[in-house]
Each structure stands twice: as structure tokens, then as C-alpha cells.
């Protein structure tokens, strides 16, 4: 496996360099093959994540961190502990997941929450007071086993992406 930086011939920042010839610039590796410390084998390393080491000069394999799950069986309003979690909505009838305003639940900007419709009841993401959830589609999950991702992008602004019903307009 090799990772190279795409430097086009004649790139003004790196004049005359081609991908095949390019050496590390500013002392940093340009490809996996230039790293000082790279795993020699992936045998027996299933389920691990490949990360750059703290020195920035090699790769290491780390235990993958499982995503914790919060199972809900009725309408639910997100809480701080849901940050980085999968909230599974397991209800036979329609249900709501409410994104609360920053004034009541101050999630840090950048927080991600996954929502999964586990039950047959359709799950809808609801904007709390003053909250805006941006999406090119609707706030309604498509059906059982649909998964969406909520990412906080500002104080009361979120982005919803994933398996939602298309906007009919």
C-alpha cells in the first residue's frame, strides 16, 4: 500500500518534482513507504484502526473504539452523554428525537450523534426551541434500520445527513 501526495509537474510550490521523484518536504514523510515506523504486516490485526503516531513519522495500529449505544423506547431528547453515541430508537409507533437548544444542553460544536431507527415506528428528528437542523431532505428517517448523523456546527445549528426521506418538493 502506498500513499503519495499529488504534486503535478510544474507545481509552483514544488517546481520540477513528479510524484515518482518527490522526496519528503520539510522533513515530513510524503508516502507510507517513506515513514520510519510502519507495520510490516496486518496479520492478526483485525478490528484495529491505522493511525499516525504522535511523532508524525510512522503508523501504528490501535484498538478500534466501539461506539456506545443508548437504546430509547419512547420519544427522546438528546443529552450531553449522547455525544459520540448511537441513539437507537426502538419503538413500534412513530417517535421523535429532539435536538435541544444550546441553552439547555450545551453540546460542544463538532459533536456528532448517530440516530438509528431500530423499531418499526418512524423516527423524526425534531428541532428544539431556537434550534435549526440543516438537511437537503426531510428530518424523517426512511424506515427501520435507517441511520442518520447529527453534527453540531454552531451554537444552535446542526447538520443532518444519512438515510432520511427525500424532500417531496
C-alpha atoms as a PDB file:
ATOM      1  CA  UNK A   1       0.000   0.000   0.000  1.00  0.00           C
ATOM      2  CA  UNK A   2       1.339   3.433  -0.858  1.00  0.00           C
ATOM      3  CA  UNK A   3       0.041   6.912  -0.212  1.00  0.00           C
ATOM      4  CA  UNK A   4       1.506   9.754  -2.210  1.00  0.00           C
ATOM      5  CA  UNK A   5       0.784  13.424  -2.376  1.00  0.00           C
ATOM      6  CA  UNK A   6      -0.415  14.522  -5.778  1.00  0.00           C
ATOM      7  CA  UNK A   7       2.074  17.127  -6.937  1.00  0.00           C
ATOM      8  CA  UNK A   8       1.589  17.962 -10.568  1.00  0.00           C
ATOM      9  CA  UNK A   9       4.662  18.571 -12.699  1.00  0.00           C
ATOM     10  CA  UNK A  10       5.299  22.276 -12.750  1.00  0.00           C
ATOM     11  CA  UNK A  11       3.519  22.890  -9.426  1.00  0.00           C
ATOM     12  CA  UNK A  12       4.881  26.346  -8.457  1.00  0.00           C
ATOM     13  CA  UNK A  13       5.353  25.255  -4.849  1.00  0.00           C
ATOM     14  CA  UNK A  14       7.392  22.228  -5.868  1.00  0.00           C
ATOM     15  CA  UNK A  15       8.789  23.048  -9.268  1.00  0.00           C
ATOM     16  CA  UNK A  16      10.124  20.143 -11.265  1.00  0.00           C
ATOM     17  CA  UNK A  17       9.013  17.424  -8.852  1.00  0.00           C
ATOM     18  CA  UNK A  18       6.999  14.439 -10.040  1.00  0.00           C
ATOM     19  CA  UNK A  19       5.170  12.001  -7.760  1.00  0.00           C
ATOM     20  CA  UNK A  20       7.698   9.277  -8.543  1.00  0.00           C
ATOM     21  CA  UNK A  21      10.686  11.518  -7.683  1.00  0.00           C
ATOM     22  CA  UNK A  22       9.276  13.553  -4.850  1.00  0.00           C
ATOM     23  CA  UNK A  23      11.103  13.308  -1.545  1.00  0.00           C
ATOM     24  CA  UNK A  24       9.735  14.362   1.808  1.00  0.00           C
ATOM     25  CA  UNK A  25       9.343  18.121   2.050  1.00  0.00           C
ATOM     26  CA  UNK A  26      10.007  19.987   5.291  1.00  0.00           C
ATOM     27  CA  UNK A  27      11.230  16.749   6.847  1.00  0.00           C
ATOM     28  CA  UNK A  28       7.794  15.113   6.800  1.00  0.00           C
ATOM     29  CA  UNK A  29       7.111  11.836   5.001  1.00  0.00           C
ATOM     30  CA  UNK A  30       5.360  12.068   1.652  1.00  0.00           C
ATOM     31  CA  UNK A  31       4.150   8.486   1.455  1.00  0.00           C
ATOM     32  CA  UNK A  32       3.694   5.405   3.597  1.00  0.00           C
ATOM     33  CA  UNK A  33       6.871   3.926   2.147  1.00  0.00           C
ATOM     34  CA  UNK A  34       8.891   6.899   3.436  1.00  0.00           C
ATOM     35  CA  UNK A  35       7.713   6.512   7.036  1.00  0.00           C
ATOM     36  CA  UNK A  36      10.295   5.331   9.554  1.00  0.00           C
ATOM     37  CA  UNK A  37       7.955   3.105  11.520  1.00  0.00           C
ATOM     38  CA  UNK A  38       5.306   1.260   9.514  1.00  0.00           C
ATOM     39  CA  UNK A  39       3.629  -2.040  10.465  1.00  0.00           C
ATOM     40  CA  UNK A  40       5.220  -4.837   8.466  1.00  0.00           C
ATOM     41  CA  UNK A  41       2.086  -6.974   8.497  1.00  0.00           C
ATOM     42  CA  UNK A  42      -1.621  -6.683   9.208  1.00  0.00           C
ATOM     43  CA  UNK A  43      -1.933 -10.382  10.062  1.00  0.00           C
ATOM     44  CA  UNK A  44      -3.829 -10.805  13.322  1.00  0.00           C
ATOM     45  CA  UNK A  45      -4.675  -7.108  13.493  1.00  0.00           C
ATOM     46  CA  UNK A  46      -8.368  -7.338  12.528  1.00  0.00           C
ATOM     47  CA  UNK A  47     -10.660  -4.758  14.099  1.00  0.00           C
ATOM     48  CA  UNK A  48      -7.860  -2.270  14.693  1.00  0.00           C
ATOM     49  CA  UNK A  49      -7.511   1.243  13.298  1.00  0.00           C
ATOM     50  CA  UNK A  50      -4.440   2.510  11.448  1.00  0.00           C
ATOM     51  CA  UNK A  51      -3.320   5.868  12.878  1.00  0.00           C
ATOM     52  CA  UNK A  52      -0.332   8.173  12.502  1.00  0.00           C
ATOM     53  CA  UNK A  53       1.880   8.046  15.597  1.00  0.00           C
ATOM     54  CA  UNK A  54       2.395  11.095  17.826  1.00  0.00           C
ATOM     55  CA  UNK A  55       5.797  11.878  16.282  1.00  0.00           C
ATOM     56  CA  UNK A  56       4.217  12.021  12.828  1.00  0.00           C
ATOM     57  CA  UNK A  57       6.868   9.732  11.368  1.00  0.00           C
ATOM     58  CA  UNK A  58       5.108   6.387  11.427  1.00  0.00           C
ATOM     59  CA  UNK A  59       1.906   4.444  11.589  1.00  0.00           C
ATOM     60  CA  UNK A  60       0.577   2.292  14.365  1.00  0.00           C
ATOM     61  CA  UNK A  61      -2.375   0.014  14.868  1.00  0.00           C
ATOM     62  CA  UNK A  62      -4.740   0.921  17.693  1.00  0.00           C
ATOM     63  CA  UNK A  63      -7.751  -0.825  19.149  1.00  0.00           C
ATOM     64  CA  UNK A  64     -10.870   0.436  17.431  1.00  0.00           C
ATOM     65  CA  UNK A  65     -13.106   2.243  19.886  1.00  0.00           C
ATOM     66  CA  UNK A  66     -16.624   0.810  19.901  1.00  0.00           C
ATOM     67  CA  UNK A  67     -19.484   3.284  19.606  1.00  0.00           C
ATOM     68  CA  UNK A  68     -21.573   3.191  22.790  1.00  0.00           C
ATOM     69  CA  UNK A  69     -25.321   2.688  22.317  1.00  0.00           C
ATOM     70  CA  UNK A  70     -28.205   4.399  24.109  1.00  0.00           C
ATOM     71  CA  UNK A  71     -31.467   2.499  23.486  1.00  0.00           C
ATOM     72  CA  UNK A  72     -34.695   4.510  23.791  1.00  0.00           C
ATOM     73  CA  UNK A  73     -38.222   3.101  23.658  1.00  0.00           C
ATOM     74  CA  UNK A  74     -40.183   6.382  23.548  1.00  0.00           C
ATOM     75  CA  UNK A  75     -39.785   9.990  22.376  1.00  0.00           C
ATOM     76  CA  UNK A  76     -36.393  11.243  23.463  1.00  0.00           C
ATOM     77  CA  UNK A  77     -34.471  14.500  23.895  1.00  0.00           C
ATOM     78  CA  UNK A  78     -30.709  14.307  23.424  1.00  0.00           C
ATOM     79  CA  UNK A  79     -28.478  14.777  26.487  1.00  0.00           C
ATOM     80  CA  UNK A  80     -24.748  15.545  26.788  1.00  0.00           C
ATOM     81  CA  UNK A  81     -23.932  11.873  27.344  1.00  0.00           C
ATOM     82  CA  UNK A  82     -25.204  11.143  23.809  1.00  0.00           C
ATOM     83  CA  UNK A  83     -22.179  12.895  22.268  1.00  0.00           C
ATOM     84  CA  UNK A  84     -20.302  10.318  20.203  1.00  0.00           C
ATOM     85  CA  UNK A  85     -23.002   7.706  20.795  1.00  0.00           C
ATOM     86  CA  UNK A  86     -25.551   5.850  18.722  1.00  0.00           C
ATOM     87  CA  UNK A  87     -29.076   6.575  19.953  1.00  0.00           C
ATOM     88  CA  UNK A  88     -31.267   3.647  18.924  1.00  0.00           C
ATOM     89  CA  UNK A  89     -34.980   4.407  18.741  1.00  0.00           C
ATOM     90  CA  UNK A  90     -36.753   1.113  19.401  1.00  0.00           C
ATOM     91  CA  UNK A  91     -40.474   1.826  19.299  1.00  0.00           C
ATOM     92  CA  UNK A  92     -43.310   0.208  17.325  1.00  0.00           C
ATOM     93  CA  UNK A  93     -45.080   3.541  16.724  1.00  0.00           C
ATOM     94  CA  UNK A  94     -43.929   6.926  15.436  1.00  0.00           C
ATOM     95  CA  UNK A  95     -41.376   8.636  17.670  1.00  0.00           C
ATOM     96  CA  UNK A  96     -39.312  11.809  17.923  1.00  0.00           C
ATOM     97  CA  UNK A  97     -35.694  12.581  18.761  1.00  0.00           C
ATOM     98  CA  UNK A  98     -35.464  16.205  19.854  1.00  0.00           C
ATOM     99  CA  UNK A  99     -32.296  18.244  19.423  1.00  0.00           C
ATOM    100  CA  UNK A 100     -32.327  20.592  22.438  1.00  0.00           C
ATOM    101  CA  UNK A 101     -31.185  24.219  22.383  1.00  0.00           C
ATOM    102  CA  UNK A 102     -27.653  25.041  23.493  1.00  0.00           C
ATOM    103  CA  UNK A 103     -29.096  26.920  26.485  1.00  0.00           C
ATOM    104  CA  UNK A 104     -30.372  23.648  27.986  1.00  0.00           C
ATOM    105  CA  UNK A 105     -27.810  21.121  26.663  1.00  0.00           C
ATOM    106  CA  UNK A 106     -24.501  22.776  25.673  1.00  0.00           C
ATOM    107  CA  UNK A 107     -23.024  20.211  23.299  1.00  0.00           C
ATOM    108  CA  UNK A 108     -19.615  21.397  22.061  1.00  0.00           C
ATOM    109  CA  UNK A 109     -19.517  22.484  18.420  1.00  0.00           C
ATOM    110  CA  UNK A 110     -18.362  19.473  16.393  1.00  0.00           C
ATOM    111  CA  UNK A 111     -20.321  16.971  18.482  1.00  0.00           C
ATOM    112  CA  UNK A 112     -21.656  14.029  16.471  1.00  0.00           C
ATOM    113  CA  UNK A 113     -24.628  11.877  17.464  1.00  0.00           C
ATOM    114  CA  UNK A 114     -25.823   8.924  15.403  1.00  0.00           C
ATOM    115  CA  UNK A 115     -29.549   8.093  15.429  1.00  0.00           C
ATOM    116  CA  UNK A 116     -30.810   4.676  14.327  1.00  0.00           C
ATOM    117  CA  UNK A 117     -34.455   3.700  13.833  1.00  0.00           C
ATOM    118  CA  UNK A 118     -34.408   0.181  15.277  1.00  0.00           C
ATOM    119  CA  UNK A 119     -38.149  -0.254  15.755  1.00  0.00           C
ATOM    120  CA  UNK A 120     -40.925  -0.220  13.166  1.00  0.00           C
ATOM    121  CA  UNK A 121     -42.150   3.213  14.330  1.00  0.00           C
ATOM    122  CA  UNK A 122     -40.873   6.004  12.102  1.00  0.00           C
ATOM    123  CA  UNK A 123     -38.357   8.304  13.774  1.00  0.00           C
ATOM    124  CA  UNK A 124     -38.403  12.066  13.188  1.00  0.00           C
ATOM    125  CA  UNK A 125     -35.675  14.497  14.252  1.00  0.00           C
ATOM    126  CA  UNK A 126     -37.322  17.488  15.929  1.00  0.00           C
ATOM    127  CA  UNK A 127     -35.744  20.935  16.317  1.00  0.00           C
ATOM    128  CA  UNK A 128     -35.901  22.186  19.900  1.00  0.00           C
ATOM    129  CA  UNK A 129     -36.705  25.842  20.617  1.00  0.00           C
ATOM    130  CA  UNK A 130     -34.344  28.017  18.560  1.00  0.00           C
ATOM    131  CA  UNK A 131     -32.542  25.025  17.007  1.00  0.00           C
ATOM    132  CA  UNK A 132     -32.028  24.719  13.259  1.00  0.00           C
ATOM    133  CA  UNK A 133     -31.236  21.333  11.721  1.00  0.00           C
ATOM    134  CA  UNK A 134     -29.991  21.755   8.149  1.00  0.00           C
ATOM    135  CA  UNK A 135     -30.556  18.983   5.612  1.00  0.00           C
ATOM    136  CA  UNK A 136     -31.212  18.897   1.874  1.00  0.00           C
ATOM    137  CA  UNK A 137     -34.012  16.421   2.538  1.00  0.00           C
ATOM    138  CA  UNK A 138     -36.502  15.937   5.411  1.00  0.00           C
ATOM    139  CA  UNK A 139     -35.995  15.319   9.132  1.00  0.00           C
ATOM    140  CA  UNK A 140     -37.722  11.920   8.891  1.00  0.00           C
ATOM    141  CA  UNK A 141     -35.771   8.660   8.832  1.00  0.00           C
ATOM    142  CA  UNK A 142     -36.725   6.407   5.903  1.00  0.00           C
ATOM    143  CA  UNK A 143     -37.612   3.315   7.864  1.00  0.00           C
ATOM    144  CA  UNK A 144     -36.483   0.562  10.161  1.00  0.00           C
ATOM    145  CA  UNK A 145     -32.656   0.330  10.350  1.00  0.00           C
ATOM    146  CA  UNK A 146     -32.221   3.787   8.813  1.00  0.00           C
ATOM    147  CA  UNK A 147     -29.241   5.614  10.279  1.00  0.00           C
ATOM    148  CA  UNK A 148     -28.538   9.350  10.375  1.00  0.00           C
ATOM    149  CA  UNK A 149     -25.761  11.524  11.698  1.00  0.00           C
ATOM    150  CA  UNK A 150     -26.300  14.808  13.531  1.00  0.00           C
ATOM    151  CA  UNK A 151     -23.280  17.161  13.717  1.00  0.00           C
ATOM    152  CA  UNK A 152     -23.356  20.384  15.706  1.00  0.00           C
ATOM    153  CA  UNK A 153     -21.897  23.204  13.605  1.00  0.00           C
ATOM    154  CA  UNK A 154     -22.801  26.291  15.663  1.00  0.00           C
ATOM    155  CA  UNK A 155     -24.457  27.201  18.948  1.00  0.00           C
ATOM    156  CA  UNK A 156     -27.933  26.092  17.865  1.00  0.00           C
ATOM    157  CA  UNK A 157     -27.161  24.843  14.367  1.00  0.00           C
ATOM    158  CA  UNK A 158     -26.882  21.204  13.399  1.00  0.00           C
ATOM    159  CA  UNK A 159     -26.451  19.285  10.132  1.00  0.00           C
ATOM    160  CA  UNK A 160     -28.399  16.078   9.499  1.00  0.00           C
ATOM    161  CA  UNK A 161     -27.128  13.561   6.957  1.00  0.00           C
ATOM    162  CA  UNK A 162     -27.910   9.959   6.221  1.00  0.00           C
ATOM    163  CA  UNK A 163     -30.885   7.778   5.426  1.00  0.00           C
ATOM    164  CA  UNK A 164     -33.762  10.284   5.530  1.00  0.00           C
ATOM    165  CA  UNK A 165     -36.903  10.555   3.424  1.00  0.00           C
ATOM    166  CA  UNK A 166     -36.483  12.670   0.304  1.00  0.00           C
ATOM    167  CA  UNK A 167     -37.940  16.139   0.210  1.00  0.00           C
ATOM    168  CA  UNK A 168     -41.118  15.900  -1.870  1.00  0.00           C
ATOM    169  CA  UNK A 169     -40.893  19.439  -3.227  1.00  0.00           C
END
